[in-house]
mmCIF file of all heavy atoms, coordinates in Angstrom:
data_MODEL
# 
_entry.id   MODEL 
# 
loop_
_atom_site.group_PDB 
_atom_site.id 
_atom_site.type_symbol 
_atom_site.label_atom_id 
_atom_site.label_alt_id 
_atom_site.label_comp_id 
_atom_site.label_asym_id 
_atom_site.label_entity_id 
_atom_site.label_seq_id 
_atom_site.pdbx_PDB_ins_code 
_atom_site.Cartn_x 
_atom_site.Cartn_y 
_atom_site.Cartn_z 
_atom_site.occupancy 
_atom_site.B_iso_or_equiv 
_atom_site.pdbx_formal_charge 
_atom_site.auth_seq_id 
_atom_site.auth_comp_id 
_atom_site.auth_asym_id 
_atom_site.auth_atom_id 
_atom_site.pdbx_PDB_model_num 
ATOM 1   N N   . ALA A 1 1  ? 71.919 103.220 67.150 1.00 0.00 ? 1  ALA A N   1 
ATOM 2   C CA  . ALA A 1 1  ? 70.991 102.109 67.345 1.00 0.00 ? 1  ALA A CA  1 
ATOM 3   C C   . ALA A 1 1  ? 71.660 100.958 68.093 1.00 0.00 ? 1  ALA A C   1 
ATOM 4   O O   . ALA A 1 1  ? 71.085 100.391 69.027 1.00 0.00 ? 1  ALA A O   1 
ATOM 5   C CB  . ALA A 1 1  ? 70.455 101.636 65.998 1.00 0.00 ? 1  ALA A CB  1 
ATOM 6   N N   . LEU A 1 2  ? 72.892 100.603 67.700 1.00 0.00 ? 2  LEU A N   1 
ATOM 7   C CA  . LEU A 1 2  ? 73.610 99.539  68.385 1.00 0.00 ? 2  LEU A CA  1 
ATOM 8   C C   . LEU A 1 2  ? 73.891 99.895  69.837 1.00 0.00 ? 2  LEU A C   1 
ATOM 9   O O   . LEU A 1 2  ? 73.779 99.064  70.730 1.00 0.00 ? 2  LEU A O   1 
ATOM 10  C CB  . LEU A 1 2  ? 74.931 99.241  67.670 1.00 0.00 ? 2  LEU A CB  1 
ATOM 11  C CG  . LEU A 1 2  ? 74.838 98.331  66.460 1.00 0.00 ? 2  LEU A CG  1 
ATOM 12  C CD1 . LEU A 1 2  ? 76.159 98.302  65.713 1.00 0.00 ? 2  LEU A CD1 1 
ATOM 13  C CD2 . LEU A 1 2  ? 74.442 96.934  66.871 1.00 0.00 ? 2  LEU A CD2 1 
ATOM 14  N N   . PHE A 1 3  ? 74.262 101.134 70.074 1.00 0.00 ? 3  PHE A N   1 
ATOM 15  C CA  . PHE A 1 3  ? 74.539 101.594 71.430 1.00 0.00 ? 3  PHE A CA  1 
ATOM 16  C C   . PHE A 1 3  ? 73.292 101.449 72.305 1.00 0.00 ? 3  PHE A C   1 
ATOM 17  O O   . PHE A 1 3  ? 73.363 100.941 73.422 1.00 0.00 ? 3  PHE A O   1 
ATOM 18  C CB  . PHE A 1 3  ? 74.997 103.062 71.387 1.00 0.00 ? 3  PHE A CB  1 
ATOM 19  C CG  . PHE A 1 3  ? 75.583 103.555 72.669 1.00 0.00 ? 3  PHE A CG  1 
ATOM 20  C CD1 . PHE A 1 3  ? 76.906 103.332 72.970 1.00 0.00 ? 3  PHE A CD1 1 
ATOM 21  C CD2 . PHE A 1 3  ? 74.797 104.251 73.573 1.00 0.00 ? 3  PHE A CD2 1 
ATOM 22  C CE1 . PHE A 1 3  ? 77.453 103.795 74.155 1.00 0.00 ? 3  PHE A CE1 1 
ATOM 23  C CE2 . PHE A 1 3  ? 75.323 104.719 74.760 1.00 0.00 ? 3  PHE A CE2 1 
ATOM 24  C CZ  . PHE A 1 3  ? 76.661 104.485 75.052 1.00 0.00 ? 3  PHE A CZ  1 
ATOM 25  N N   . GLN A 1 4  ? 72.159 101.855 71.785 1.00 0.00 ? 4  GLN A N   1 
ATOM 26  C CA  . GLN A 1 4  ? 70.908 101.749 72.535 1.00 0.00 ? 4  GLN A CA  1 
ATOM 27  C C   . GLN A 1 4  ? 70.556 100.295 72.809 1.00 0.00 ? 4  GLN A C   1 
ATOM 28  O O   . GLN A 1 4  ? 70.181 99.929  73.927 1.00 0.00 ? 4  GLN A O   1 
ATOM 29  C CB  . GLN A 1 4  ? 69.773 102.436 71.784 1.00 0.00 ? 4  GLN A CB  1 
ATOM 30  C CG  . GLN A 1 4  ? 68.446 102.397 72.509 1.00 0.00 ? 4  GLN A CG  1 
ATOM 31  C CD  . GLN A 1 4  ? 68.479 103.117 73.847 1.00 0.00 ? 4  GLN A CD  1 
ATOM 32  O OE1 . GLN A 1 4  ? 69.123 104.145 73.997 1.00 0.00 ? 4  GLN A OE1 1 
ATOM 33  N NE2 . GLN A 1 4  ? 67.794 102.578 74.828 1.00 0.00 ? 4  GLN A NE2 1 
ATOM 34  N N   . LEU A 1 5  ? 70.662 99.449  71.812 1.00 0.00 ? 5  LEU A N   1 
ATOM 35  C CA  . LEU A 1 5  ? 70.374 98.034  72.005 1.00 0.00 ? 5  LEU A CA  1 
ATOM 36  C C   . LEU A 1 5  ? 71.319 97.406  73.026 1.00 0.00 ? 5  LEU A C   1 
ATOM 37  O O   . LEU A 1 5  ? 70.901 96.592  73.847 1.00 0.00 ? 5  LEU A O   1 
ATOM 38  C CB  . LEU A 1 5  ? 70.480 97.278  70.681 1.00 0.00 ? 5  LEU A CB  1 
ATOM 39  C CG  . LEU A 1 5  ? 69.342 97.488  69.698 1.00 0.00 ? 5  LEU A CG  1 
ATOM 40  C CD1 . LEU A 1 5  ? 69.688 96.838  68.359 1.00 0.00 ? 5  LEU A CD1 1 
ATOM 41  C CD2 . LEU A 1 5  ? 68.049 96.915  70.245 1.00 0.00 ? 5  LEU A CD2 1 
ATOM 42  N N   . ALA A 1 6  ? 72.580 97.809  72.996 1.00 0.00 ? 6  ALA A N   1 
ATOM 43  C CA  . ALA A 1 6  ? 73.570 97.251  73.915 1.00 0.00 ? 6  ALA A CA  1 
ATOM 44  C C   . ALA A 1 6  ? 73.284 97.625  75.366 1.00 0.00 ? 6  ALA A C   1 
ATOM 45  O O   . ALA A 1 6  ? 73.696 96.907  76.273 1.00 0.00 ? 6  ALA A O   1 
ATOM 46  C CB  . ALA A 1 6  ? 74.972 97.707  73.522 1.00 0.00 ? 6  ALA A CB  1 
ATOM 47  N N   . THR A 1 7  ? 72.576 98.718  75.588 1.00 0.00 ? 7  THR A N   1 
ATOM 48  C CA  . THR A 1 7  ? 72.223 99.082  76.967 1.00 0.00 ? 7  THR A CA  1 
ATOM 49  C C   . THR A 1 7  ? 71.069 98.244  77.482 1.00 0.00 ? 7  THR A C   1 
ATOM 50  O O   . THR A 1 7  ? 70.894 98.130  78.689 1.00 0.00 ? 7  THR A O   1 
ATOM 51  C CB  . THR A 1 7  ? 71.831 100.571 77.095 1.00 0.00 ? 7  THR A CB  1 
ATOM 52  O OG1 . THR A 1 7  ? 70.642 100.811 76.342 1.00 0.00 ? 7  THR A OG1 1 
ATOM 53  C CG2 . THR A 1 7  ? 72.933 101.490 76.653 1.00 0.00 ? 7  THR A CG2 1 
ATOM 54  N N   . GLU A 1 8  ? 70.310 97.641  76.576 1.00 0.00 ? 8  GLU A N   1 
ATOM 55  C CA  . GLU A 1 8  ? 69.078 96.964  76.968 1.00 0.00 ? 8  GLU A CA  1 
ATOM 56  C C   . GLU A 1 8  ? 69.106 95.447  76.842 1.00 0.00 ? 8  GLU A C   1 
ATOM 57  O O   . GLU A 1 8  ? 68.277 94.771  77.454 1.00 0.00 ? 8  GLU A O   1 
ATOM 58  C CB  . GLU A 1 8  ? 67.915 97.494  76.124 1.00 0.00 ? 8  GLU A CB  1 
ATOM 59  C CG  . GLU A 1 8  ? 67.680 98.969  76.303 1.00 0.00 ? 8  GLU A CG  1 
ATOM 60  C CD  . GLU A 1 8  ? 66.616 99.513  75.367 1.00 0.00 ? 8  GLU A CD  1 
ATOM 61  O OE1 . GLU A 1 8  ? 65.929 98.713  74.711 1.00 0.00 ? 8  GLU A OE1 1 
ATOM 62  O OE2 . GLU A 1 8  ? 66.477 100.736 75.303 1.00 0.00 ? 8  GLU A OE2 1 
ATOM 63  N N   . LEU A 1 9  ? 70.013 94.912  76.043 1.00 0.00 ? 9  LEU A N   1 
ATOM 64  C CA  . LEU A 1 9  ? 69.999 93.473  75.750 1.00 0.00 ? 9  LEU A CA  1 
ATOM 65  C C   . LEU A 1 9  ? 71.355 92.842  76.031 1.00 0.00 ? 9  LEU A C   1 
ATOM 66  O O   . LEU A 1 9  ? 72.387 93.482  75.873 1.00 0.00 ? 9  LEU A O   1 
ATOM 67  C CB  . LEU A 1 9  ? 69.642 93.248  74.278 1.00 0.00 ? 9  LEU A CB  1 
ATOM 68  C CG  . LEU A 1 9  ? 68.300 93.797  73.825 1.00 0.00 ? 9  LEU A CG  1 
ATOM 69  C CD1 . LEU A 1 9  ? 68.186 93.720  72.314 1.00 0.00 ? 9  LEU A CD1 1 
ATOM 70  C CD2 . LEU A 1 9  ? 67.172 93.031  74.492 1.00 0.00 ? 9  LEU A CD2 1 
ATOM 71  N N   . PRO A 1 10 ? 71.362 91.563  76.391 1.00 0.00 ? 10 PRO A N   1 
ATOM 72  C CA  . PRO A 1 10 ? 72.632 90.864  76.600 1.00 0.00 ? 10 PRO A CA  1 
ATOM 73  C C   . PRO A 1 10 ? 73.374 90.670  75.277 1.00 0.00 ? 10 PRO A C   1 
ATOM 74  O O   . PRO A 1 10 ? 72.767 90.582  74.213 1.00 0.00 ? 10 PRO A O   1 
ATOM 75  C CB  . PRO A 1 10 ? 72.217 89.527  77.203 1.00 0.00 ? 10 PRO A CB  1 
ATOM 76  C CG  . PRO A 1 10 ? 70.778 89.371  76.931 1.00 0.00 ? 10 PRO A CG  1 
ATOM 77  C CD  . PRO A 1 10 ? 70.201 90.737  76.707 1.00 0.00 ? 10 PRO A CD  1 
ATOM 78  N N   . ALA A 1 11 ? 74.690 90.594  75.378 1.00 0.00 ? 11 ALA A N   1 
ATOM 79  C CA  . ALA A 1 11 ? 75.530 90.452  74.190 1.00 0.00 ? 11 ALA A CA  1 
ATOM 80  C C   . ALA A 1 11 ? 75.158 89.219  73.371 1.00 0.00 ? 11 ALA A C   1 
ATOM 81  O O   . ALA A 1 11 ? 75.143 89.269  72.140 1.00 0.00 ? 11 ALA A O   1 
ATOM 82  C CB  . ALA A 1 11 ? 76.996 90.409  74.587 1.00 0.00 ? 11 ALA A CB  1 
ATOM 83  N N   . ALA A 1 12 ? 74.848 88.124  74.043 1.00 0.00 ? 12 ALA A N   1 
ATOM 84  C CA  . ALA A 1 12 ? 74.491 86.900  73.319 1.00 0.00 ? 12 ALA A CA  1 
ATOM 85  C C   . ALA A 1 12 ? 73.241 87.098  72.470 1.00 0.00 ? 12 ALA A C   1 
ATOM 86  O O   . ALA A 1 12 ? 73.145 86.583  71.353 1.00 0.00 ? 12 ALA A O   1 
ATOM 87  C CB  . ALA A 1 12 ? 74.272 85.754  74.307 1.00 0.00 ? 12 ALA A CB  1 
ATOM 88  N N   . PHE A 1 13 ? 72.304 87.850  72.967 1.00 0.00 ? 13 PHE A N   1 
ATOM 89  C CA  . PHE A 1 13 ? 71.085 88.125  72.207 1.00 0.00 ? 13 PHE A CA  1 
ATOM 90  C C   . PHE A 1 13 ? 71.404 89.005  70.996 1.00 0.00 ? 13 PHE A C   1 
ATOM 91  O O   . PHE A 1 13 ? 70.894 88.776  69.899 1.00 0.00 ? 13 PHE A O   1 
ATOM 92  C CB  . PHE A 1 13 ? 70.057 88.817  73.110 1.00 0.00 ? 13 PHE A CB  1 
ATOM 93  C CG  . PHE A 1 13 ? 68.719 88.979  72.466 1.00 0.00 ? 13 PHE A CG  1 
ATOM 94  C CD1 . PHE A 1 13 ? 67.820 87.930  72.435 1.00 0.00 ? 13 PHE A CD1 1 
ATOM 95  C CD2 . PHE A 1 13 ? 68.353 90.184  71.876 1.00 0.00 ? 13 PHE A CD2 1 
ATOM 96  C CE1 . PHE A 1 13 ? 66.584 88.068  71.819 1.00 0.00 ? 13 PHE A CE1 1 
ATOM 97  C CE2 . PHE A 1 13 ? 67.129 90.335  71.270 1.00 0.00 ? 13 PHE A CE2 1 
ATOM 98  C CZ  . PHE A 1 13 ? 66.233 89.271  71.244 1.00 0.00 ? 13 PHE A CZ  1 
ATOM 99  N N   . LEU A 1 14 ? 72.261 90.003  71.186 1.00 0.00 ? 14 LEU A N   1 
ATOM 100 C CA  . LEU A 1 14 ? 72.669 90.855  70.065 1.00 0.00 ? 14 LEU A CA  1 
ATOM 101 C C   . LEU A 1 14 ? 73.351 90.027  68.977 1.00 0.00 ? 14 LEU A C   1 
ATOM 102 O O   . LEU A 1 14 ? 73.116 90.227  67.791 1.00 0.00 ? 14 LEU A O   1 
ATOM 103 C CB  . LEU A 1 14 ? 73.613 91.959  70.541 1.00 0.00 ? 14 LEU A CB  1 
ATOM 104 C CG  . LEU A 1 14 ? 73.037 93.011  71.467 1.00 0.00 ? 14 LEU A CG  1 
ATOM 105 C CD1 . LEU A 1 14 ? 74.132 93.928  71.974 1.00 0.00 ? 14 LEU A CD1 1 
ATOM 106 C CD2 . LEU A 1 14 ? 71.953 93.805  70.771 1.00 0.00 ? 14 LEU A CD2 1 
ATOM 107 N N   . THR A 1 15 ? 74.182 89.093  69.409 1.00 0.00 ? 15 THR A N   1 
ATOM 108 C CA  . THR A 1 15 ? 74.908 88.249  68.466 1.00 0.00 ? 15 THR A CA  1 
ATOM 109 C C   . THR A 1 15 ? 73.952 87.424  67.613 1.00 0.00 ? 15 THR A C   1 
ATOM 110 O O   . THR A 1 15 ? 74.055 87.410  66.394 1.00 0.00 ? 15 THR A O   1 
ATOM 111 C CB  . THR A 1 15 ? 75.866 87.308  69.231 1.00 0.00 ? 15 THR A CB  1 
ATOM 112 O OG1 . THR A 1 15 ? 76.816 88.110  69.923 1.00 0.00 ? 15 THR A OG1 1 
ATOM 113 C CG2 . THR A 1 15 ? 76.590 86.371  68.308 1.00 0.00 ? 15 THR A CG2 1 
ATOM 114 N N   . ARG A 1 16 ? 73.019 86.752  68.274 1.00 0.00 ? 16 ARG A N   1 
ATOM 115 C CA  . ARG A 1 16 ? 72.074 85.900  67.536 1.00 0.00 ? 16 ARG A CA  1 
ATOM 116 C C   . ARG A 1 16 ? 71.122 86.721  66.672 1.00 0.00 ? 16 ARG A C   1 
ATOM 117 O O   . ARG A 1 16 ? 70.802 86.343  65.554 1.00 0.00 ? 16 ARG A O   1 
ATOM 118 C CB  . ARG A 1 16 ? 71.270 85.040  68.508 1.00 0.00 ? 16 ARG A CB  1 
ATOM 119 C CG  . ARG A 1 16 ? 72.053 83.894  69.097 1.00 0.00 ? 16 ARG A CG  1 
ATOM 120 C CD  . ARG A 1 16 ? 71.157 82.925  69.834 1.00 0.00 ? 16 ARG A CD  1 
ATOM 121 N NE  . ARG A 1 16 ? 70.352 83.577  70.853 1.00 0.00 ? 16 ARG A NE  1 
ATOM 122 C CZ  . ARG A 1 16 ? 70.695 83.715  72.132 1.00 0.00 ? 16 ARG A CZ  1 
ATOM 123 N NH1 . ARG A 1 16 ? 71.846 83.243  72.542 1.00 0.00 ? 16 ARG A NH1 1 
ATOM 124 N NH2 . ARG A 1 16 ? 69.893 84.297  72.986 1.00 0.00 ? 16 ARG A NH2 1 
ATOM 125 N N   . THR A 1 17 ? 70.667 87.833  67.188 1.00 0.00 ? 17 THR A N   1 
ATOM 126 C CA  . THR A 1 17 ? 69.661 88.620  66.486 1.00 0.00 ? 17 THR A CA  1 
ATOM 127 C C   . THR A 1 17 ? 70.243 89.413  65.327 1.00 0.00 ? 17 THR A C   1 
ATOM 128 O O   . THR A 1 17 ? 69.655 89.471  64.247 1.00 0.00 ? 17 THR A O   1 
ATOM 129 C CB  . THR A 1 17 ? 68.964 89.582  67.463 1.00 0.00 ? 17 THR A CB  1 
ATOM 130 O OG1 . THR A 1 17 ? 68.466 88.829  68.561 1.00 0.00 ? 17 THR A OG1 1 
ATOM 131 C CG2 . THR A 1 17 ? 67.827 90.316  66.804 1.00 0.00 ? 17 THR A CG2 1 
ATOM 132 N N   . LEU A 1 18 ? 71.382 90.048  65.563 1.00 0.00 ? 18 LEU A N   1 
ATOM 133 C CA  . LEU A 1 18 ? 71.959 90.928  64.543 1.00 0.00 ? 18 LEU A CA  1 
ATOM 134 C C   . LEU A 1 18 ? 73.023 90.258  63.686 1.00 0.00 ? 18 LEU A C   1 
ATOM 135 O O   . LEU A 1 18 ? 73.459 90.816  62.684 1.00 0.00 ? 18 LEU A O   1 
ATOM 136 C CB  . LEU A 1 18 ? 72.567 92.164  65.219 1.00 0.00 ? 18 LEU A CB  1 
ATOM 137 C CG  . LEU A 1 18 ? 71.603 92.997  66.059 1.00 0.00 ? 18 LEU A CG  1 
ATOM 138 C CD1 . LEU A 1 18 ? 72.346 94.145  66.730 1.00 0.00 ? 18 LEU A CD1 1 
ATOM 139 C CD2 . LEU A 1 18 ? 70.455 93.515  65.219 1.00 0.00 ? 18 LEU A CD2 1 
ATOM 140 N N   . GLY A 1 19 ? 73.467 89.074  64.113 1.00 0.00 ? 19 GLY A N   1 
ATOM 141 C CA  . GLY A 1 19 ? 74.485 88.364  63.342 1.00 0.00 ? 19 GLY A CA  1 
ATOM 142 C C   . GLY A 1 19 ? 75.869 88.968  63.478 1.00 0.00 ? 19 GLY A C   1 
ATOM 143 O O   . GLY A 1 19 ? 76.707 88.787  62.593 1.00 0.00 ? 19 GLY A O   1 
ATOM 144 N N   . ILE A 1 20 ? 76.118 89.671  64.584 1.00 0.00 ? 20 ILE A N   1 
ATOM 145 C CA  . ILE A 1 20 ? 77.453 90.241  64.793 1.00 0.00 ? 20 ILE A CA  1 
ATOM 146 C C   . ILE A 1 20 ? 78.262 89.300  65.684 1.00 0.00 ? 20 ILE A C   1 
ATOM 147 O O   . ILE A 1 20 ? 77.712 88.480  66.417 1.00 0.00 ? 20 ILE A O   1 
ATOM 148 C CB  . ILE A 1 20 ? 77.394 91.660  65.411 1.00 0.00 ? 20 ILE A CB  1 
ATOM 149 C CG1 . ILE A 1 20 ? 76.680 91.645  66.765 1.00 0.00 ? 20 ILE A CG1 1 
ATOM 150 C CG2 . ILE A 1 20 ? 76.735 92.633  64.461 1.00 0.00 ? 20 ILE A CG2 1 
ATOM 151 C CD1 . ILE A 1 20 ? 76.642 93.003  67.456 1.00 0.00 ? 20 ILE A CD1 1 
ATOM 152 N N   . ASP A 1 21 ? 79.557 89.396  65.610 1.00 0.00 ? 21 ASP A N   1 
ATOM 153 C CA  . ASP A 1 21 ? 80.442 88.561  66.402 1.00 0.00 ? 21 ASP A CA  1 
ATOM 154 C C   . ASP A 1 21 ? 80.259 88.855  67.886 1.00 0.00 ? 21 ASP A C   1 
ATOM 155 O O   . ASP A 1 21 ? 80.022 90.000  68.271 1.00 0.00 ? 21 ASP A O   1 
ATOM 156 C CB  . ASP A 1 21 ? 81.896 88.820  65.977 1.00 0.00 ? 21 ASP A CB  1 
ATOM 157 C CG  . ASP A 1 21 ? 82.836 87.824  66.611 1.00 0.00 ? 21 ASP A CG  1 
ATOM 158 O OD1 . ASP A 1 21 ? 82.949 86.708  66.079 1.00 0.00 ? 21 ASP A OD1 1 
ATOM 159 O OD2 . ASP A 1 21 ? 83.444 88.172  67.637 1.00 0.00 ? 21 ASP A OD2 1 
ATOM 160 N N   . ILE A 1 22 ? 80.395 87.834  68.720 1.00 0.00 ? 22 ILE A N   1 
ATOM 161 C CA  . ILE A 1 22 ? 80.188 87.996  70.153 1.00 0.00 ? 22 ILE A CA  1 
ATOM 162 C C   . ILE A 1 22 ? 81.165 89.013  70.751 1.00 0.00 ? 22 ILE A C   1 
ATOM 163 O O   . ILE A 1 22 ? 80.799 89.780  71.638 1.00 0.00 ? 22 ILE A O   1 
ATOM 164 C CB  . ILE A 1 22 ? 80.264 86.637  70.899 1.00 0.00 ? 22 ILE A CB  1 
ATOM 165 C CG1 . ILE A 1 22 ? 79.882 86.796  72.375 1.00 0.00 ? 22 ILE A CG1 1 
ATOM 166 C CG2 . ILE A 1 22 ? 81.642 86.016  70.770 1.00 0.00 ? 22 ILE A CG2 1 
ATOM 167 C CD1 . ILE A 1 22 ? 78.451 87.152  72.625 1.00 0.00 ? 22 ILE A CD1 1 
ATOM 168 N N   . THR A 1 23 ? 82.405 89.045  70.248 1.00 0.00 ? 23 THR A N   1 
ATOM 169 C CA  . THR A 1 23 ? 83.371 90.004  70.802 1.00 0.00 ? 23 THR A CA  1 
ATOM 170 C C   . THR A 1 23 ? 82.938 91.439  70.508 1.00 0.00 ? 23 THR A C   1 
ATOM 171 O O   . THR A 1 23 ? 83.120 92.325  71.335 1.00 0.00 ? 23 THR A O   1 
ATOM 172 C CB  . THR A 1 23 ? 84.792 89.762  70.251 1.00 0.00 ? 23 THR A CB  1 
ATOM 173 O OG1 . THR A 1 23 ? 84.762 89.809  68.827 1.00 0.00 ? 23 THR A OG1 1 
ATOM 174 C CG2 . THR A 1 23 ? 85.343 88.427  70.723 1.00 0.00 ? 23 THR A CG2 1 
ATOM 175 N N   . VAL A 1 24 ? 82.356 91.646  69.347 1.00 0.00 ? 24 VAL A N   1 
ATOM 176 C CA  . VAL A 1 24 ? 81.843 92.975  68.990 1.00 0.00 ? 24 VAL A CA  1 
ATOM 177 C C   . VAL A 1 24 ? 80.663 93.334  69.886 1.00 0.00 ? 24 VAL A C   1 
ATOM 178 O O   . VAL A 1 24 ? 80.576 94.449  70.416 1.00 0.00 ? 24 VAL A O   1 
ATOM 179 C CB  . VAL A 1 24 ? 81.438 93.033  67.501 1.00 0.00 ? 24 VAL A CB  1 
ATOM 180 C CG1 . VAL A 1 24 ? 80.766 94.350  67.166 1.00 0.00 ? 24 VAL A CG1 1 
ATOM 181 C CG2 . VAL A 1 24 ? 82.649 92.801  66.619 1.00 0.00 ? 24 VAL A CG2 1 
ATOM 182 N N   . ALA A 1 25 ? 79.770 92.378  70.085 1.00 0.00 ? 25 ALA A N   1 
ATOM 183 C CA  . ALA A 1 25 ? 78.600 92.621  70.935 1.00 0.00 ? 25 ALA A CA  1 
ATOM 184 C C   . ALA A 1 25 ? 79.016 92.941  72.366 1.00 0.00 ? 25 ALA A C   1 
ATOM 185 O O   . ALA A 1 25 ? 78.463 93.847  73.001 1.00 0.00 ? 25 ALA A O   1 
ATOM 186 C CB  . ALA A 1 25 ? 77.674 91.412  70.904 1.00 0.00 ? 25 ALA A CB  1 
ATOM 187 N N   . VAL A 1 26 ? 80.002 92.231  72.873 1.00 0.00 ? 26 VAL A N   1 
ATOM 188 C CA  . VAL A 1 26 ? 80.492 92.480  74.238 1.00 0.00 ? 26 VAL A CA  1 
ATOM 189 C C   . VAL A 1 26 ? 81.120 93.868  74.326 1.00 0.00 ? 26 VAL A C   1 
ATOM 190 O O   . VAL A 1 26 ? 80.894 94.604  75.292 1.00 0.00 ? 26 VAL A O   1 
ATOM 191 C CB  . VAL A 1 26 ? 81.482 91.379  74.676 1.00 0.00 ? 26 VAL A CB  1 
ATOM 192 C CG1 . VAL A 1 26 ? 82.210 91.761  75.954 1.00 0.00 ? 26 VAL A CG1 1 
ATOM 193 C CG2 . VAL A 1 26 ? 80.749 90.060  74.856 1.00 0.00 ? 26 VAL A CG2 1 
ATOM 194 N N   . LYS A 1 27 ? 81.885 94.250  73.317 1.00 0.00 ? 27 LYS A N   1 
ATOM 195 C CA  . LYS A 1 27 ? 82.489 95.591  73.317 1.00 0.00 ? 27 LYS A CA  1 
ATOM 196 C C   . LYS A 1 27 ? 81.419 96.675  73.320 1.00 0.00 ? 27 LYS A C   1 
ATOM 197 O O   . LYS A 1 27 ? 81.524 97.668  74.025 1.00 0.00 ? 27 LYS A O   1 
ATOM 198 C CB  . LYS A 1 27 ? 83.421 95.763  72.112 1.00 0.00 ? 27 LYS A CB  1 
ATOM 199 C CG  . LYS A 1 27 ? 84.717 95.019  72.251 1.00 0.00 ? 27 LYS A CG  1 
ATOM 200 C CD  . LYS A 1 27 ? 85.584 95.205  71.016 1.00 0.00 ? 27 LYS A CD  1 
ATOM 201 C CE  . LYS A 1 27 ? 86.845 94.374  71.125 1.00 0.00 ? 27 LYS A CE  1 
ATOM 202 N NZ  . LYS A 1 27 ? 87.697 94.503  69.949 1.00 0.00 ? 27 LYS A NZ  1 
ATOM 203 N N   . TRP A 1 28 ? 80.383 96.494  72.504 1.00 0.00 ? 28 TRP A N   1 
ATOM 204 C CA  . TRP A 1 28 ? 79.296 97.468  72.478 1.00 0.00 ? 28 TRP A CA  1 
ATOM 205 C C   . TRP A 1 28 ? 78.613 97.546  73.837 1.00 0.00 ? 28 TRP A C   1 
ATOM 206 O O   . TRP A 1 28 ? 78.297 98.615  74.333 1.00 0.00 ? 28 TRP A O   1 
ATOM 207 C CB  . TRP A 1 28 ? 78.269 97.111  71.399 1.00 0.00 ? 28 TRP A CB  1 
ATOM 208 C CG  . TRP A 1 28 ? 78.623 97.666  70.063 1.00 0.00 ? 28 TRP A CG  1 
ATOM 209 C CD1 . TRP A 1 28 ? 79.175 97.007  69.011 1.00 0.00 ? 28 TRP A CD1 1 
ATOM 210 C CD2 . TRP A 1 28 ? 78.475 99.023  69.635 1.00 0.00 ? 28 TRP A CD2 1 
ATOM 211 N NE1 . TRP A 1 28 ? 79.374 97.865  67.965 1.00 0.00 ? 28 TRP A NE1 1 
ATOM 212 C CE2 . TRP A 1 28 ? 78.949 99.106  68.320 1.00 0.00 ? 28 TRP A CE2 1 
ATOM 213 C CE3 . TRP A 1 28 ? 77.975 100.174 70.245 1.00 0.00 ? 28 TRP A CE3 1 
ATOM 214 C CZ2 . TRP A 1 28 ? 78.946 100.290 67.602 1.00 0.00 ? 28 TRP A CZ2 1 
ATOM 215 C CZ3 . TRP A 1 28 ? 77.974 101.352 69.521 1.00 0.00 ? 28 TRP A CZ3 1 
ATOM 216 C CH2 . TRP A 1 28 ? 78.459 101.396 68.221 1.00 0.00 ? 28 TRP A CH2 1 
# 
C-alpha cells in the first residue's frame, strides 16, 4: 500500500496524511 501511494503522491503529502517521517516518505 505504501509503495503504491508513493508512486502517486508527493512525499510531503504522505507525511501529513499518514503521519510518517519525511525521510521515510522520501525513501518510499
